Structure formats: C-alpha cells, structure tokens
Amino acid sequence: MGNHQALRASYPRHFPLRTTPQAYIVLDEPLYQGLRRWAKRDDITLSLKVRDLGKDELDMEEDRVLTDIAERWVATFSRKTAKTHAKVWGTSKRPRR
C-alpha cells in the first residue's frame, strides 16, 4: 500500500456528530512526521496545524490572484479614457459640511 499516513479523526460512538467540515488526506511518511513534529513544537494538534497551513496558503493564493488583477488593470489604465468620480457617480445631493 505504500509508505503513507492518513489523517483521520475518529470519535467514540457516544460523541455527537461534528458540524465542522472535515477532509481526509493521505500524506507521505516524511511529510506526516514533519507536520507532526511541527504541531508538537507549537503545542497544537496535527489537525489544527494542517488547518492553519491550509488557511495561510489560501490567503497567499488570494493575494496572487488579486495582484494579477491589479497588474492587468495598471497595464491597461489610461488617464485619457478614465472617468472622473463625478462622471461615474454624479454630484452628491448632500450638502457639504
């Protein structure tokens, strides 16, 4: 079957069903051991360590996508064709303070 470790939560039958979404993942042994040591060093569970790493990676991916969008916008932006705030939104009907 290979040299893999599976992360899977197992609960006794008397525990209520979990409402938190869960994922079953298979890791190579060196990766599993490294994550296990890292979680132990940080004094958190292996599940929390994997969750935190997943959240961090999702944040980094979001940053990459938003950077790509911004770079495309900058590359195509032209002050000559850009609309002013007043042209887009019109003048404010509220009196100035």
PDB file of N, CA and C in Angstrom:
ATOM      1  N   MET A   1       0.816  -1.190   0.000  1.00  0.00           N
ATOM      2  CA  MET A   1       0.000   0.000   0.000  1.00  0.00           C
ATOM      3  C   MET A   1       0.857   1.250   0.000  1.00  0.00           C
ATOM      4  N   GLY A   2       2.115   1.151   0.247  1.00  0.00           N
ATOM      5  CA  GLY A   2       2.968   2.331   0.226  1.00  0.00           C
ATOM      6  C   GLY A   2       3.238   2.837   1.629  1.00  0.00           C
ATOM      7  N   ASN A   3       4.096   3.792   1.693  1.00  0.00           N
ATOM      8  CA  ASN A   3       4.507   4.342   2.978  1.00  0.00           C
ATOM      9  C   ASN A   3       3.799   5.673   3.211  1.00  0.00           C
ATOM     10  N   HIS A   4       2.506   5.615   3.536  1.00  0.00           N
ATOM     11  CA  HIS A   4       1.693   6.808   3.717  1.00  0.00           C
ATOM     12  C   HIS A   4       1.020   6.774   5.076  1.00  0.00           C
ATOM     13  N   GLN A   5       0.756   7.942   5.591  1.00  0.00           N
ATOM     14  CA  GLN A   5      -0.030   8.077   6.813  1.00  0.00           C
ATOM     15  C   GLN A   5      -1.305   8.815   6.447  1.00  0.00           C
ATOM     16  N   ALA A   6      -2.399   8.423   7.045  1.00  0.00           N
ATOM     17  CA  ALA A   6      -3.671   9.092   6.802  1.00  0.00           C
ATOM     18  C   ALA A   6      -4.059   9.869   8.050  1.00  0.00           C
ATOM     19  N   LEU A   7      -4.479  11.107   7.853  1.00  0.00           N
ATOM     20  CA  LEU A   7      -5.015  11.893   8.956  1.00  0.00           C
ATOM     21  C   LEU A   7      -6.518  11.680   8.960  1.00  0.00           C
ATOM     22  N   ARG A   8      -7.044  11.168  10.042  1.00  0.00           N
ATOM     23  CA  ARG A   8      -8.477  10.949  10.120  1.00  0.00           C
ATOM     24  C   ARG A   8      -8.878  11.033  11.574  1.00  0.00           C
ATOM     25  N   ALA A   9      -9.892  11.804  11.825  1.00  0.00           N
ATOM     26  CA  ALA A   9     -10.399  11.909  13.191  1.00  0.00           C
ATOM     27  C   ALA A   9     -11.304  10.712  13.462  1.00  0.00           C
ATOM     28  N   SER A  10     -11.118  10.096  14.597  1.00  0.00           N
ATOM     29  CA  SER A  10     -12.033   9.015  14.978  1.00  0.00           C
ATOM     30  C   SER A  10     -12.568   9.334  16.362  1.00  0.00           C
ATOM     31  N   TYR A  11     -13.862   9.244  16.507  1.00  0.00           N
ATOM     32  CA  TYR A  11     -14.530   9.588  17.748  1.00  0.00           C
ATOM     33  C   TYR A  11     -15.312   8.370  18.240  1.00  0.00           C
ATOM     34  N   PRO A  12     -15.375   8.204  19.554  1.00  0.00           N
ATOM     35  CA  PRO A  12     -16.239   7.135  20.073  1.00  0.00           C
ATOM     36  C   PRO A  12     -17.683   7.384  19.658  1.00  0.00           C
ATOM     37  N   ARG A  13     -18.467   6.346  19.596  1.00  0.00           N
ATOM     38  CA  ARG A  13     -19.841   6.468  19.115  1.00  0.00           C
ATOM     39  C   ARG A  13     -20.714   7.384  19.969  1.00  0.00           C
ATOM     40  N   HIS A  14     -20.391   7.576  21.228  1.00  0.00           N
ATOM     41  CA  HIS A  14     -21.235   8.404  22.079  1.00  0.00           C
ATOM     42  C   HIS A  14     -21.022   9.900  21.857  1.00  0.00           C
ATOM     43  N   PHE A  15     -20.014  10.300  21.048  1.00  0.00           N
ATOM     44  CA  PHE A  15     -19.818  11.704  20.743  1.00  0.00           C
ATOM     45  C   PHE A  15     -20.825  12.136  19.685  1.00  0.00           C
ATOM     46  N   PRO A  16     -21.351  13.366  19.784  1.00  0.00           N
ATOM     47  CA  PRO A  16     -22.285  13.842  18.751  1.00  0.00           C
ATOM     48  C   PRO A  16     -21.554  14.018  17.422  1.00  0.00           C
ATOM     49  N   LEU A  17     -22.294  14.009  16.347  1.00  0.00           N
ATOM     50  CA  LEU A  17     -21.702  14.218  15.031  1.00  0.00           C
ATOM     51  C   LEU A  17     -21.122  15.625  14.944  1.00  0.00           C
ATOM     52  N   ARG A  18     -19.985  15.749  14.289  1.00  0.00           N
ATOM     53  CA  ARG A  18     -19.327  17.034  14.133  1.00  0.00           C
ATOM     54  C   ARG A  18     -20.048  17.846  13.061  1.00  0.00           C
ATOM     55  N   THR A  19     -20.144  19.144  13.272  1.00  0.00           N
ATOM     56  CA  THR A  19     -20.734  20.009  12.264  1.00  0.00           C
ATOM     57  C   THR A  19     -19.664  20.729  11.456  1.00  0.00           C
ATOM     58  N   THR A  20     -18.403  20.651  11.882  1.00  0.00           N
ATOM     59  CA  THR A  20     -17.303  21.281  11.172  1.00  0.00           C
ATOM     60  C   THR A  20     -16.937  20.431   9.954  1.00  0.00           C
ATOM     61  N   PRO A  21     -16.833  21.040   8.772  1.00  0.00           N
ATOM     62  CA  PRO A  21     -16.419  20.260   7.594  1.00  0.00           C
ATOM     63  C   PRO A  21     -15.044  19.632   7.827  1.00  0.00           C
ATOM     64  N   GLN A  22     -14.877  18.417   7.373  1.00  0.00           N
ATOM     65  CA  GLN A  22     -13.619  17.705   7.551  1.00  0.00           C
ATOM     66  C   GLN A  22     -13.148  17.151   6.223  1.00  0.00           C
ATOM     67  N   ALA A  23     -11.852  16.913   6.140  1.00  0.00           N
ATOM     68  CA  ALA A  23     -11.258  16.339   4.939  1.00  0.00           C
ATOM     69  C   ALA A  23     -10.363  15.179   5.345  1.00  0.00           C
ATOM     70  N   TYR A  24     -10.347  14.168   4.522  1.00  0.00           N
ATOM     71  CA  TYR A  24      -9.485  13.013   4.720  1.00  0.00           C
ATOM     72  C   TYR A  24      -8.336  13.164   3.739  1.00  0.00           C
ATOM     73  N   ILE A  25      -7.093  13.210   4.245  1.00  0.00           N
ATOM     74  CA  ILE A  25      -5.945  13.375   3.359  1.00  0.00           C
ATOM     75  C   ILE A  25      -4.925  12.271   3.611  1.00  0.00           C
ATOM     76  N   VAL A  26      -4.175  11.955   2.577  1.00  0.00           N
ATOM     77  CA  VAL A  26      -3.120  10.949   2.669  1.00  0.00           C
ATOM     78  C   VAL A  26      -1.787  11.657   2.464  1.00  0.00           C
ATOM     79  N   LEU A  27      -0.861  11.422   3.378  1.00  0.00           N
ATOM     80  CA  LEU A  27       0.447  12.070   3.334  1.00  0.00           C
ATOM     81  C   LEU A  27       1.554  11.037   3.248  1.00  0.00           C
ATOM     82  N   ASP A  28       2.622  11.384   2.557  1.00  0.00           N
ATOM     83  CA  ASP A  28       3.816  10.550   2.590  1.00  0.00           C
ATOM     84  C   ASP A  28       4.374  10.594   4.007  1.00  0.00           C
ATOM     85  N   GLU A  29       5.033   9.529   4.411  1.00  0.00           N
ATOM     86  CA  GLU A  29       5.541   9.413   5.778  1.00  0.00           C
ATOM     87  C   GLU A  29       6.421  10.588   6.209  1.00  0.00           C
ATOM     88  N   PRO A  30       7.394  11.029   5.383  1.00  0.00           N
ATOM     89  CA  PRO A  30       8.232  12.152   5.825  1.00  0.00           C
ATOM     90  C   PRO A  30       7.419  13.438   6.057  1.00  0.00           C
ATOM     91  N   LEU A  31       6.445  13.698   5.204  1.00  0.00           N
ATOM     92  CA  LEU A  31       5.601  14.874   5.370  1.00  0.00           C
ATOM     93  C   LEU A  31       4.756  14.755   6.632  1.00  0.00           C
ATOM     94  N   TYR A  32       4.202  13.582   6.863  1.00  0.00           N
ATOM     95  CA  TYR A  32       3.398  13.347   8.066  1.00  0.00           C
ATOM     96  C   TYR A  32       4.237  13.568   9.327  1.00  0.00           C
ATOM     97  N   GLN A  33       5.434  12.999   9.352  1.00  0.00           N
ATOM     98  CA  GLN A  33       6.292  13.133  10.528  1.00  0.00           C
ATOM     99  C   GLN A  33       6.720  14.586  10.738  1.00  0.00           C
ATOM    100  N   GLY A  34       7.029  15.276   9.649  1.00  0.00           N
ATOM    101  CA  GLY A  34       7.410  16.679   9.768  1.00  0.00           C
ATOM    102  C   GLY A  34       6.268  17.534  10.313  1.00  0.00           C
ATOM    103  N   LEU A  35       5.069  17.326   9.806  1.00  0.00           N
ATOM    104  CA  LEU A  35       3.904  18.067  10.300  1.00  0.00           C
ATOM    105  C   LEU A  35       3.615  17.719  11.758  1.00  0.00           C
ATOM    106  N   ARG A  36       3.766  16.458  12.095  1.00  0.00           N
ATOM    107  CA  ARG A  36       3.529  16.023  13.476  1.00  0.00           C
ATOM    108  C   ARG A  36       4.502  16.711  14.433  1.00  0.00           C
ATOM    109  N   ARG A  37       5.781  16.748  14.047  1.00  0.00           N
ATOM    110  CA  ARG A  37       6.783  17.422  14.888  1.00  0.00           C
ATOM    111  C   ARG A  37       6.501  18.922  14.995  1.00  0.00           C
ATOM    112  N   TRP A  38       6.120  19.528  13.885  1.00  0.00           N
ATOM    113  CA  TRP A  38       5.828  20.948  13.854  1.00  0.00           C
ATOM    114  C   TRP A  38       4.638  21.277  14.766  1.00  0.00           C
ATOM    115  N   ALA A  39       3.608  20.460  14.708  1.00  0.00           N
ATOM    116  CA  ALA A  39       2.434  20.656  15.562  1.00  0.00           C
ATOM    117  C   ALA A  39       2.818  20.492  17.032  1.00  0.00           C
ATOM    118  N   LYS A  40       3.641  19.489  17.318  1.00  0.00           N
ATOM    119  CA  LYS A  40       4.067  19.262  18.702  1.00  0.00           C
ATOM    120  C   LYS A  40       4.883  20.447  19.201  1.00  0.00           C
ATOM    121  N   ARG A  41       5.779  20.958  18.358  1.00  0.00           N
ATOM    122  CA  ARG A  41       6.593  22.119  18.728  1.00  0.00           C
ATOM    123  C   ARG A  41       5.709  23.321  19.065  1.00  0.00           C
ATOM    124  N   ASP A  42       4.637  23.509  18.288  1.00  0.00           N
ATOM    125  CA  ASP A  42       3.728  24.637  18.500  1.00  0.00           C
ATOM    126  C   ASP A  42       2.654  24.329  19.541  1.00  0.00           C
ATOM    127  N   ASP A  43       2.698  23.141  20.097  1.00  0.00           N
ATOM    128  CA  ASP A  43       1.759  22.700  21.127  1.00  0.00           C
ATOM    129  C   ASP A  43       0.301  22.802  20.671  1.00  0.00           C
ATOM    130  N   ILE A  44       0.064  22.342  19.423  1.00  0.00           N
ATOM    131  CA  ILE A  44      -1.295  22.261  18.899  1.00  0.00           C
ATOM    132  C   ILE A  44      -1.479  20.895  18.258  1.00  0.00           C
ATOM    133  N   THR A  45      -2.705  20.566  17.958  1.00  0.00           N
ATOM    134  CA  THR A  45      -2.968  19.268  17.337  1.00  0.00           C
ATOM    135  C   THR A  45      -2.513  19.281  15.885  1.00  0.00           C
ATOM    136  N   LEU A  46      -2.302  18.101  15.365  1.00  0.00           N
ATOM    137  CA  LEU A  46      -1.923  17.959  13.963  1.00  0.00           C
ATOM    138  C   LEU A  46      -3.013  18.530  13.062  1.00  0.00           C
ATOM    139  N   SER A  47      -4.270  18.298  13.424  1.00  0.00           N
ATOM    140  CA  SER A  47      -5.385  18.821  12.625  1.00  0.00           C
ATOM    141  C   SER A  47      -5.352  20.338  12.557  1.00  0.00           C
ATOM    142  N   LEU A  48      -5.100  20.994  13.693  1.00  0.00           N
ATOM    143  CA  LEU A  48      -5.047  22.454  13.705  1.00  0.00           C
ATOM    144  C   LEU A  48      -3.861  22.970  12.896  1.00  0.00           C
ATOM    145  N   LYS A  49      -2.736  22.278  12.951  1.00  0.00           N
ATOM    146  CA  LYS A  49      -1.565  22.698  12.179  1.00  0.00           C
ATOM    147  C   LYS A  49      -1.862  22.625  10.685  1.00  0.00           C
ATOM    148  N   VAL A  50      -2.468  21.522  10.244  1.00  0.00           N
ATOM    149  CA  VAL A  50      -2.801  21.370   8.821  1.00  0.00           C
ATOM    150  C   VAL A  50      -3.846  22.415   8.419  1.00  0.00           C
ATOM    151  N   ARG A  51      -4.830  22.674   9.295  1.00  0.00           N
ATOM    152  CA  ARG A  51      -5.846  23.696   9.010  1.00  0.00           C
ATOM    153  C   ARG A  51      -5.197  25.066   8.857  1.00  0.00           C
ATOM    154  N   ASP A  52      -4.299  25.415   9.781  1.00  0.00           N
ATOM    155  CA  ASP A  52      -3.644  26.723   9.722  1.00  0.00           C
ATOM    156  C   ASP A  52      -2.800  26.871   8.459  1.00  0.00           C
ATOM    157  N   LEU A  53      -2.093  25.816   8.085  1.00  0.00           N
ATOM    158  CA  LEU A  53      -1.291  25.868   6.861  1.00  0.00           C
ATOM    159  C   LEU A  53      -2.188  26.032   5.637  1.00  0.00           C
ATOM    160  N   GLY A  54      -3.332  25.356   5.629  1.00  0.00           N
ATOM    161  CA  GLY A  54      -4.281  25.490   4.527  1.00  0.00           C
ATOM    162  C   GLY A  54      -4.826  26.908   4.432  1.00  0.00           C
ATOM    163  N   LYS A  55      -5.155  27.505   5.587  1.00  0.00           N
ATOM    164  CA  LYS A  55      -5.655  28.883   5.591  1.00  0.00           C
ATOM    165  C   LYS A  55      -4.592  29.845   5.089  1.00  0.00           C
ATOM    166  N   ASP A  56      -3.354  29.644   5.529  1.00  0.00           N
ATOM    167  CA  ASP A  56      -2.258  30.509   5.076  1.00  0.00           C
ATOM    168  C   ASP A  56      -2.076  30.409   3.566  1.00  0.00           C
ATOM    169  N   GLU A  57      -2.115  29.202   3.039  1.00  0.00           N
ATOM    170  CA  GLU A  57      -1.942  29.006   1.600  1.00  0.00           C
ATOM    171  C   GLU A  57      -3.102  29.628   0.827  1.00  0.00           C
ATOM    172  N   LEU A  58      -4.315  29.511   1.344  1.00  0.00           N
ATOM    173  CA  LEU A  58      -5.474  30.122   0.697  1.00  0.00           C
ATOM    174  C   LEU A  58      -5.322  31.643   0.662  1.00  0.00           C
ATOM    175  N   ASP A  59      -4.842  32.234   1.750  1.00  0.00           N
ATOM    176  CA  ASP A  59      -4.590  33.678   1.786  1.00  0.00           C
ATOM    177  C   ASP A  59      -3.539  34.078   0.754  1.00  0.00           C
ATOM    178  N   MET A  60      -2.470  33.288   0.642  1.00  0.00           N
ATOM    179  CA  MET A  60      -1.419  33.602  -0.325  1.00  0.00           C
ATOM    180  C   MET A  60      -1.934  33.485  -1.759  1.00  0.00           C
ATOM    181  N   GLU A  61      -2.765  32.484  -2.020  1.00  0.00           N
ATOM    182  CA  GLU A  61      -3.332  32.314  -3.362  1.00  0.00           C
ATOM    183  C   GLU A  61      -4.253  33.485  -3.693  1.00  0.00           C
ATOM    184  N   GLU A  62      -5.038  33.927  -2.726  1.00  0.00           N
ATOM    185  CA  GLU A  62      -5.909  35.091  -2.934  1.00  0.00           C
ATOM    186  C   GLU A  62      -5.061  36.321  -3.244  1.00  0.00           C
ATOM    187  N   ASP A  63      -3.975  36.506  -2.531  1.00  0.00           N
ATOM    188  CA  ASP A  63      -3.075  37.635  -2.796  1.00  0.00           C
ATOM    189  C   ASP A  63      -2.508  37.565  -4.207  1.00  0.00           C
ATOM    190  N   ARG A  64      -2.123  36.366  -4.661  1.00  0.00           N
ATOM    191  CA  ARG A  64      -1.589  36.206  -6.021  1.00  0.00           C
ATOM    192  C   ARG A  64      -2.634  36.587  -7.061  1.00  0.00           C
ATOM    193  N   VAL A  65      -3.869  36.143  -6.872  1.00  0.00           N
ATOM    194  CA  VAL A  65      -4.940  36.439  -7.829  1.00  0.00           C
ATOM    195  C   VAL A  65      -5.226  37.936  -7.858  1.00  0.00           C
ATOM    196  N   LEU A  66      -5.329  38.559  -6.686  1.00  0.00           N
ATOM    197  CA  LEU A  66      -5.603  39.997  -6.636  1.00  0.00           C
ATOM    198  C   LEU A  66      -4.454  40.805  -7.223  1.00  0.00           C
ATOM    199  N   THR A  67      -3.225  40.345  -7.036  1.00  0.00           N
ATOM    200  CA  THR A  67      -2.063  41.010  -7.635  1.00  0.00           C
ATOM    201  C   THR A  67      -2.140  40.933  -9.151  1.00  0.00           C
ATOM    202  N   ASP A  68      -2.499  39.760  -9.678  1.00  0.00           N
ATOM    203  CA  ASP A  68      -2.649  39.618 -11.135  1.00  0.00           C
ATOM    204  C   ASP A  68      -3.714  40.568 -11.676  1.00  0.00           C
ATOM    205  N   ILE A  69      -4.840  40.679 -10.981  1.00  0.00           N
ATOM    206  CA  ILE A  69      -5.912  41.580 -11.411  1.00  0.00           C
ATOM    207  C   ILE A  69      -5.412  43.025 -11.406  1.00  0.00           C
ATOM    208  N   ALA A  70      -4.726  43.416 -10.339  1.00  0.00           N
ATOM    209  CA  ALA A  70      -4.216  44.785 -10.239  1.00  0.00           C
ATOM    210  C   ALA A  70      -3.180  45.077 -11.322  1.00  0.00           C
ATOM    211  N   GLU A  71      -2.304  44.120 -11.607  1.00  0.00           N
ATOM    212  CA  GLU A  71      -1.285  44.329 -12.636  1.00  0.00           C
ATOM    213  C   GLU A  71      -1.910  44.487 -14.012  1.00  0.00           C
ATOM    214  N   ARG A  72      -2.958  43.697 -14.291  1.00  0.00           N
ATOM    215  CA  ARG A  72      -3.654  43.840 -15.577  1.00  0.00           C
ATOM    216  C   ARG A  72      -4.340  45.200 -15.666  1.00  0.00           C
ATOM    217  N   TRP A  73      -4.916  45.657 -14.562  1.00  0.00           N
ATOM    218  CA  TRP A  73      -5.590  46.953 -14.547  1.00  0.00           C
ATOM    219  C   TRP A  73      -4.572  48.068 -14.799  1.00  0.00           C
ATOM    220  N   VAL A  74      -3.431  48.015 -14.110  1.00  0.00           N
ATOM    221  CA  VAL A  74      -2.404  49.038 -14.286  1.00  0.00           C
ATOM    222  C   VAL A  74      -1.894  49.038 -15.731  1.00  0.00           C
ATOM    223  N   ALA A  75      -1.735  47.864 -16.314  1.00  0.00           N
ATOM    224  CA  ALA A  75      -1.206  47.763 -17.673  1.00  0.00           C
ATOM    225  C   ALA A  75      -2.163  48.346 -18.703  1.00  0.00           C
ATOM    226  N   THR A  76      -3.455  48.336 -18.424  1.00  0.00           N
ATOM    227  CA  THR A  76      -4.428  48.816 -19.408  1.00  0.00           C
ATOM    228  C   THR A  76      -5.026  50.170 -19.043  1.00  0.00           C
ATOM    229  N   PHE A  77      -4.644  50.739 -17.907  1.00  0.00           N
ATOM    230  CA  PHE A  77      -5.217  52.001 -17.465  1.00  0.00           C
ATOM    231  C   PHE A  77      -4.719  53.160 -18.314  1.00  0.00           C
ATOM    232  N   SER A  78      -5.630  54.051 -18.675  1.00  0.00           N
ATOM    233  CA  SER A  78      -5.282  55.246 -19.429  1.00  0.00           C
ATOM    234  C   SER A  78      -5.998  56.432 -18.794  1.00  0.00           C
ATOM    235  N   ARG A  79      -5.252  57.440 -18.425  1.00  0.00           N
ATOM    236  CA  ARG A  79      -5.862  58.638 -17.835  1.00  0.00           C
ATOM    237  C   ARG A  79      -6.769  59.351 -18.837  1.00  0.00           C
ATOM    238  N   LYS A  80      -6.461  59.209 -20.128  1.00  0.00           N
ATOM    239  CA  LYS A  80      -7.267  59.879 -21.152  1.00  0.00           C
ATOM    240  C   LYS A  80      -8.682  59.303 -21.222  1.00  0.00           C
ATOM    241  N   THR A  81      -8.825  58.004 -21.014  1.00  0.00           N
ATOM    242  CA  THR A  81     -10.154  57.387 -21.112  1.00  0.00           C
ATOM    243  C   THR A  81     -10.795  57.149 -19.749  1.00  0.00           C
ATOM    244  N   ALA A  82     -10.063  57.422 -18.681  1.00  0.00           N
ATOM    245  CA  ALA A  82     -10.612  57.203 -17.333  1.00  0.00           C
ATOM    246  C   ALA A  82     -11.706  58.221 -17.039  1.00  0.00           C
ATOM    247  N   LYS A  83     -12.730  57.777 -16.350  1.00  0.00           N
ATOM    248  CA  LYS A  83     -13.823  58.658 -15.964  1.00  0.00           C
ATOM    249  C   LYS A  83     -13.555  59.222 -14.573  1.00  0.00           C
ATOM    250  N   THR A  84     -13.990  60.446 -14.366  1.00  0.00           N
ATOM    251  CA  THR A  84     -13.835  61.056 -13.048  1.00  0.00           C
ATOM    252  C   THR A  84     -14.909  60.513 -12.117  1.00  0.00           C
ATOM    253  N   HIS A  85     -14.708  60.764 -10.847  1.00  0.00           N
ATOM    254  CA  HIS A  85     -15.701  60.347  -9.852  1.00  0.00           C
ATOM    255  C   HIS A  85     -17.062  60.976 -10.150  1.00  0.00           C
ATOM    256  N   ALA A  86     -17.044  62.264 -10.478  1.00  0.00           N
ATOM    257  CA  ALA A  86     -18.297  62.975 -10.755  1.00  0.00           C
ATOM    258  C   ALA A  86     -19.016  62.395 -11.975  1.00  0.00           C
ATOM    259  N   LYS A  87     -18.259  61.993 -13.013  1.00  0.00           N
ATOM    260  CA  LYS A  87     -18.891  61.406 -14.202  1.00  0.00           C
ATOM    261  C   LYS A  87     -19.517  60.053 -13.895  1.00  0.00           C
ATOM    262  N   VAL A  88     -18.880  59.298 -13.048  1.00  0.00           N
ATOM    263  CA  VAL A  88     -19.399  57.969 -12.719  1.00  0.00           C
ATOM    264  C   VAL A  88     -20.564  58.062 -11.745  1.00  0.00           C
ATOM    265  N   TRP A  89     -20.398  58.815 -10.680  1.00  0.00           N
ATOM    266  CA  TRP A  89     -21.387  58.847  -9.603  1.00  0.00           C
ATOM    267  C   TRP A  89     -22.283  60.066  -9.624  1.00  0.00           C
ATOM    268  N   GLY A  90     -21.972  61.028 -10.430  1.00  0.00           N
ATOM    269  CA  GLY A  90     -22.752  62.269 -10.439  1.00  0.00           C
ATOM    270  C   GLY A  90     -22.363  63.118  -9.237  1.00  0.00           C
ATOM    271  N   THR A  91     -22.987  64.248  -9.126  1.00  0.00           N
ATOM    272  CA  THR A  91     -22.690  65.101  -7.977  1.00  0.00           C
ATOM    273  C   THR A  91     -23.482  64.647  -6.781  1.00  0.00           C
ATOM    274  N   SER A  92     -22.926  64.894  -5.630  1.00  0.00           N
ATOM    275  CA  SER A  92     -23.580  64.495  -4.401  1.00  0.00           C
ATOM    276  C   SER A  92     -24.765  65.408  -4.131  1.00  0.00           C
ATOM    277  N   LYS A  93     -25.902  64.837  -3.705  1.00  0.00           N
ATOM    278  CA  LYS A  93     -27.076  65.625  -3.386  1.00  0.00           C
ATOM    279  C   LYS A  93     -27.043  66.109  -1.938  1.00  0.00           C
ATOM    280  N   ARG A  94     -26.113  65.570  -1.146  1.00  0.00           N
ATOM    281  CA  ARG A  94     -25.987  66.024   0.234  1.00  0.00           C
ATOM    282  C   ARG A  94     -25.202  67.328   0.253  1.00  0.00           C
ATOM    283  N   PRO A  95     -25.623  68.259   1.100  1.00  0.00           N
ATOM    284  CA  PRO A  95     -24.841  69.499   1.200  1.00  0.00           C
ATOM    285  C   PRO A  95     -23.513  69.222   1.886  1.00  0.00           C
ATOM    286  N   ARG A  96     -22.492  69.973   1.508  1.00  0.00           N
ATOM    287  CA  ARG A  96     -21.181  69.834   2.144  1.00  0.00           C
ATOM    288  C   ARG A  96     -21.241  70.339   3.558  1.00  0.00           C
ATOM    289  N   ARG A  97     -20.440  69.778   4.400  1.00  0.00           N
ATOM    290  CA  ARG A  97     -20.399  70.198   5.806  1.00  0.00           C
ATOM    291  C   ARG A  97     -19.361  71.236   6.031  1.00  0.00           C
TER     292      ARG A  97
END
